[in-house]
Structures are given as C-alpha cells and as structure tokens.
N, C-alpha and C. Protein backbone atom coordinates (compact mmCIF):
# COMPACT_ATOMS: atom_id res chain seq x y z
N MET A 1 -3.32 -8.27 -72.75
CA MET A 1 -2.39 -9.54 -72.58
C MET A 1 -2.18 -9.83 -70.97
N PRO A 2 -2.45 -10.92 -70.68
CA PRO A 2 -2.28 -11.17 -69.17
C PRO A 2 -0.80 -11.21 -68.76
N ILE A 3 -0.62 -10.71 -67.59
CA ILE A 3 0.78 -10.81 -67.09
C ILE A 3 0.90 -11.67 -65.76
N LEU A 4 -0.16 -11.90 -65.19
CA LEU A 4 -0.20 -12.68 -63.88
C LEU A 4 -0.15 -13.99 -64.12
N MET A 5 0.58 -14.88 -63.33
CA MET A 5 0.37 -16.30 -63.37
C MET A 5 -0.98 -16.86 -62.99
N SER A 6 -1.45 -17.63 -63.84
CA SER A 6 -2.71 -18.29 -63.79
C SER A 6 -2.88 -19.57 -64.49
N SER A 7 -4.01 -20.38 -64.33
CA SER A 7 -4.14 -21.48 -65.23
C SER A 7 -4.23 -21.00 -66.65
N GLU A 8 -4.71 -19.90 -67.00
CA GLU A 8 -4.59 -19.44 -68.40
C GLU A 8 -3.34 -18.85 -68.87
N ASN A 9 -2.52 -18.52 -67.80
CA ASN A 9 -1.13 -17.90 -68.17
C ASN A 9 -0.20 -18.48 -67.28
N PRO A 10 0.16 -19.80 -67.34
CA PRO A 10 1.11 -20.46 -66.33
C PRO A 10 2.60 -20.02 -66.35
N THR A 11 2.83 -19.29 -67.49
CA THR A 11 4.24 -18.60 -67.52
C THR A 11 4.29 -17.16 -67.01
N GLY A 12 3.21 -16.62 -66.50
CA GLY A 12 3.25 -15.26 -66.06
C GLY A 12 3.91 -15.36 -64.65
N ALA A 13 4.10 -14.02 -64.09
CA ALA A 13 4.86 -14.01 -62.88
C ALA A 13 3.71 -13.71 -61.72
N LYS A 14 4.13 -13.91 -60.56
CA LYS A 14 3.20 -13.65 -59.45
C LYS A 14 3.08 -12.26 -59.26
N LEU A 15 1.88 -11.91 -58.57
CA LEU A 15 1.67 -10.46 -58.34
C LEU A 15 2.77 -9.69 -57.52
N GLU A 16 3.15 -10.43 -56.47
CA GLU A 16 4.20 -9.88 -55.68
C GLU A 16 5.57 -9.63 -56.38
N GLU A 17 5.82 -10.48 -57.45
CA GLU A 17 6.97 -10.27 -58.15
C GLU A 17 6.76 -9.00 -59.11
N HIS A 18 5.66 -8.82 -59.74
CA HIS A 18 5.37 -7.57 -60.51
C HIS A 18 5.55 -6.49 -59.70
N LEU A 19 4.95 -6.44 -58.52
CA LEU A 19 5.04 -5.35 -57.52
C LEU A 19 6.45 -5.04 -57.04
N ARG A 20 7.23 -5.89 -56.80
CA ARG A 20 8.68 -5.73 -56.46
C ARG A 20 9.39 -5.09 -57.68
N ALA A 21 9.15 -5.64 -58.80
CA ALA A 21 9.78 -4.95 -59.98
C ALA A 21 9.35 -3.53 -60.18
N LEU A 22 8.05 -3.23 -60.04
CA LEU A 22 7.62 -1.85 -60.20
C LEU A 22 8.34 -1.06 -59.08
N ILE A 23 8.43 -1.47 -57.81
CA ILE A 23 9.08 -0.77 -56.84
C ILE A 23 10.41 -0.48 -57.19
N GLY A 24 11.26 -1.43 -57.71
CA GLY A 24 12.60 -1.19 -58.06
C GLY A 24 12.76 -0.13 -59.11
N GLU A 25 11.84 -0.14 -60.11
CA GLU A 25 11.94 0.76 -61.25
C GLU A 25 11.48 2.19 -60.64
N MET A 26 10.58 2.27 -59.71
CA MET A 26 10.23 3.61 -59.16
C MET A 26 11.35 4.14 -58.23
N GLU A 27 12.08 3.27 -57.57
CA GLU A 27 13.34 3.63 -56.75
C GLU A 27 14.31 4.15 -57.66
N ALA A 28 14.51 3.61 -58.78
CA ALA A 28 15.62 4.13 -59.82
C ALA A 28 15.12 5.47 -60.30
N LYS A 29 13.84 5.69 -60.56
CA LYS A 29 13.38 7.05 -60.99
C LYS A 29 13.72 7.99 -59.90
N CYS A 30 13.38 7.58 -58.60
CA CYS A 30 13.58 8.54 -57.64
C CYS A 30 15.02 9.02 -57.42
N ALA A 31 15.90 7.93 -57.57
CA ALA A 31 17.39 8.19 -57.53
C ALA A 31 17.81 9.18 -58.50
N LYS A 32 17.23 9.18 -59.77
CA LYS A 32 17.63 10.20 -60.80
C LYS A 32 17.15 11.61 -60.57
N ILE A 33 16.23 11.80 -59.69
CA ILE A 33 15.67 13.09 -59.42
C ILE A 33 15.95 13.58 -58.09
N ALA A 34 16.35 12.72 -57.28
CA ALA A 34 16.63 13.11 -55.79
C ALA A 34 17.41 14.31 -55.48
N ASP A 35 18.31 14.67 -56.33
CA ASP A 35 19.17 15.81 -55.98
C ASP A 35 18.78 17.10 -56.80
N ASP A 36 17.67 17.11 -57.51
CA ASP A 36 17.17 18.16 -58.21
C ASP A 36 16.56 19.04 -57.39
N PRO A 37 16.90 20.33 -57.10
CA PRO A 37 16.35 21.24 -56.05
C PRO A 37 15.03 21.94 -56.56
N ARG A 38 14.68 21.72 -57.78
CA ARG A 38 13.43 22.54 -58.25
C ARG A 38 12.21 21.87 -57.57
N ASN A 39 11.27 22.72 -57.41
CA ASN A 39 9.98 22.37 -56.82
C ASN A 39 9.28 21.22 -57.57
N VAL A 40 9.25 21.38 -58.88
CA VAL A 40 8.53 20.28 -59.70
C VAL A 40 9.34 19.01 -59.46
N ALA A 41 10.51 18.94 -59.24
CA ALA A 41 11.28 17.72 -59.09
C ALA A 41 10.88 17.10 -57.73
N LYS A 42 10.92 18.09 -56.69
CA LYS A 42 10.54 17.70 -55.29
C LYS A 42 9.03 17.19 -55.31
N ASP A 43 8.12 17.75 -56.11
CA ASP A 43 6.90 17.22 -55.96
C ASP A 43 6.73 15.85 -56.77
N VAL A 44 7.28 15.61 -57.79
CA VAL A 44 7.35 14.40 -58.43
C VAL A 44 8.06 13.38 -57.60
N HIS A 45 9.06 13.55 -57.01
CA HIS A 45 9.86 12.73 -56.07
C HIS A 45 8.86 12.43 -54.96
N ARG A 46 8.27 13.30 -54.29
CA ARG A 46 7.37 13.01 -53.27
C ARG A 46 6.16 12.08 -53.75
N ASN A 47 5.73 12.32 -54.88
CA ASN A 47 4.61 11.47 -55.50
C ASN A 47 5.14 10.08 -55.62
N ASN A 48 6.31 9.96 -56.26
CA ASN A 48 6.90 8.63 -56.49
C ASN A 48 7.13 7.89 -55.21
N ARG A 49 7.52 8.62 -54.23
CA ARG A 49 7.73 7.96 -52.83
C ARG A 49 6.44 7.28 -52.31
N ASP A 50 5.32 8.20 -52.47
CA ASP A 50 4.07 7.82 -52.00
C ASP A 50 3.61 6.58 -52.87
N ILE A 51 3.77 6.56 -54.11
CA ILE A 51 3.47 5.34 -54.98
C ILE A 51 4.22 4.24 -54.46
N ILE A 52 5.39 4.34 -54.19
CA ILE A 52 6.29 3.18 -53.73
C ILE A 52 5.68 2.63 -52.39
N ALA A 53 5.46 3.51 -51.48
CA ALA A 53 4.78 3.25 -50.31
C ALA A 53 3.51 2.39 -50.41
N ARG A 54 2.67 2.83 -51.39
CA ARG A 54 1.41 2.06 -51.66
C ARG A 54 1.66 0.74 -52.25
N LEU A 55 2.67 0.72 -53.15
CA LEU A 55 2.99 -0.57 -53.77
C LEU A 55 3.54 -1.60 -52.71
N GLU A 56 4.37 -1.03 -51.64
CA GLU A 56 4.79 -1.89 -50.64
C GLU A 56 3.65 -2.37 -49.85
N GLN A 57 2.54 -1.58 -49.61
CA GLN A 57 1.36 -2.09 -48.98
C GLN A 57 0.76 -3.11 -49.66
N CYS A 58 0.72 -3.04 -51.06
CA CYS A 58 0.13 -4.15 -51.81
C CYS A 58 0.99 -5.46 -51.68
N VAL A 59 2.33 -5.25 -51.53
CA VAL A 59 3.12 -6.49 -51.44
C VAL A 59 2.67 -7.19 -50.05
N THR A 60 2.64 -6.40 -48.95
CA THR A 60 2.19 -6.92 -47.64
C THR A 60 0.95 -7.55 -47.77
N LEU A 61 -0.25 -6.94 -48.39
CA LEU A 61 -1.48 -7.59 -48.55
C LEU A 61 -1.39 -8.94 -49.25
N GLN A 62 -0.62 -9.01 -50.32
CA GLN A 62 -0.42 -10.25 -51.18
C GLN A 62 0.29 -11.31 -50.39
N GLU A 63 1.35 -10.93 -49.68
CA GLU A 63 1.94 -11.94 -48.74
C GLU A 63 0.88 -12.50 -47.71
N HIS A 64 0.12 -11.59 -47.15
CA HIS A 64 -0.82 -12.12 -46.19
C HIS A 64 -1.77 -13.14 -46.85
N SER A 65 -2.22 -12.83 -48.07
CA SER A 65 -3.07 -13.71 -48.82
C SER A 65 -2.35 -15.12 -49.01
N GLN A 66 -1.09 -14.92 -49.37
CA GLN A 66 -0.31 -16.26 -49.52
C GLN A 66 -0.21 -17.22 -48.42
N ARG A 67 0.03 -16.45 -47.32
CA ARG A 67 0.13 -17.16 -45.90
C ARG A 67 -1.24 -17.93 -45.55
N ILE A 68 -2.40 -17.19 -45.92
CA ILE A 68 -3.66 -17.74 -45.59
C ILE A 68 -3.81 -18.93 -46.48
N LEU A 69 -3.59 -18.77 -47.81
CA LEU A 69 -3.74 -19.93 -48.69
C LEU A 69 -2.79 -21.13 -48.36
N ALA A 70 -1.53 -20.87 -47.96
CA ALA A 70 -0.64 -21.92 -47.61
C ALA A 70 -1.23 -22.72 -46.33
N ALA A 71 -1.88 -22.00 -45.49
CA ALA A 71 -2.42 -22.63 -44.32
C ALA A 71 -3.60 -23.62 -44.65
N LEU A 72 -4.24 -23.24 -45.77
CA LEU A 72 -5.23 -23.99 -46.31
C LEU A 72 -4.81 -25.33 -46.93
N ALA A 73 -3.83 -25.23 -47.85
CA ALA A 73 -3.41 -26.33 -48.57
C ALA A 73 -2.21 -25.92 -49.35
N PRO A 74 -1.33 -26.85 -49.71
CA PRO A 74 -0.15 -26.65 -50.45
C PRO A 74 -0.60 -26.11 -51.81
N ASP A 75 0.30 -25.26 -52.35
CA ASP A 75 0.14 -24.60 -53.70
C ASP A 75 0.51 -25.60 -54.75
N GLN A 76 -0.42 -25.97 -55.60
CA GLN A 76 -0.10 -26.95 -56.64
C GLN A 76 0.25 -26.17 -58.03
N GLY A 77 0.54 -24.96 -57.91
CA GLY A 77 0.99 -24.17 -59.30
C GLY A 77 -0.10 -23.77 -60.06
N PRO A 78 0.03 -23.12 -61.08
CA PRO A 78 -0.98 -22.52 -61.84
C PRO A 78 -1.90 -23.44 -62.59
N THR A 79 -1.44 -24.74 -62.78
CA THR A 79 -2.20 -25.69 -63.47
C THR A 79 -2.77 -26.78 -62.61
N GLY A 80 -2.52 -26.65 -61.28
CA GLY A 80 -3.01 -27.49 -60.38
C GLY A 80 -4.45 -27.29 -59.79
N THR A 81 -4.94 -27.97 -58.95
CA THR A 81 -6.22 -27.65 -58.26
C THR A 81 -6.25 -26.48 -57.56
N PRO A 82 -7.16 -25.63 -57.86
CA PRO A 82 -7.25 -24.20 -56.94
C PRO A 82 -7.60 -24.50 -55.55
N ARG A 83 -7.03 -23.73 -54.64
CA ARG A 83 -7.43 -23.82 -53.19
C ARG A 83 -8.77 -23.36 -52.85
N ILE A 84 -9.03 -22.14 -53.68
CA ILE A 84 -10.38 -21.49 -53.33
C ILE A 84 -10.93 -21.11 -54.71
N GLY A 85 -12.32 -20.97 -54.62
CA GLY A 85 -12.92 -20.45 -55.75
C GLY A 85 -13.40 -21.69 -56.68
N LYS A 86 -13.75 -21.40 -57.88
CA LYS A 86 -14.21 -22.33 -58.97
C LYS A 86 -13.05 -23.42 -59.09
N GLY A 87 -13.63 -24.74 -58.97
CA GLY A 87 -12.66 -25.85 -59.21
C GLY A 87 -12.02 -26.26 -57.94
N SER A 88 -12.16 -25.46 -56.79
CA SER A 88 -11.52 -25.98 -55.54
C SER A 88 -12.40 -26.93 -54.82
N PRO A 89 -11.84 -27.80 -54.01
CA PRO A 89 -12.54 -28.78 -53.19
C PRO A 89 -13.53 -28.11 -52.22
N GLY A 90 -14.84 -28.45 -52.29
CA GLY A 90 -15.86 -27.79 -51.27
C GLY A 90 -16.47 -26.66 -51.75
N PHE A 91 -16.12 -26.21 -52.97
CA PHE A 91 -16.81 -24.95 -53.52
C PHE A 91 -17.87 -25.30 -54.42
N ASN A 92 -19.13 -24.78 -54.08
CA ASN A 92 -20.26 -25.24 -54.74
C ASN A 92 -20.92 -24.17 -55.67
N GLY A 93 -20.13 -23.32 -56.28
CA GLY A 93 -20.70 -22.28 -56.95
C GLY A 93 -20.66 -22.40 -58.47
C-alpha cells in the first residue's frame, strides 16, 4: 500500500512528513528508556539515536531535492505536470 504522495496516491504524505513523524516516534521511544541504567537499554538507546540521526540526514537530502525542483519550476501537486522524469517538459524517455 503506497504511503508517499504521488499521481497514483495524491492523498499520501510527502517523504519529509513521514520522516519527521518517524523521528518524533523514535524520540518518544528514546525518552521512555533514557533513564534505564542497564546496558541493554543503553545499547538500544544509542541505536535509536543513530537511527534518528540518519533519518534527519534523509530529511536534509529531501529538502535539498525540493529546493532543486522549486528552482526548476513551481510544484503543481501530485496530479499536475511533473517537473522531471516521464511526462515532464523536455523529457524524451
């Protein structure tokens, strides 16, 4: 089942929205185990923090892609003309 917004799923959410939601959920998980002094809790907490950092990097990459696309043309939404790829002006693939 698609979750990202696209022409096939216009009611889906943007990638960066999903990533931020995941980050929020991971932060909540971290908060629940942050005070547990056991080694297993510390390991899981450290892993969760690493996952959060990687998700934040993904948000940064997606925001960069959005800036590049915005410089190319205005966003017409999921059912509009694509800016790049199949169906975009100037693409001959």
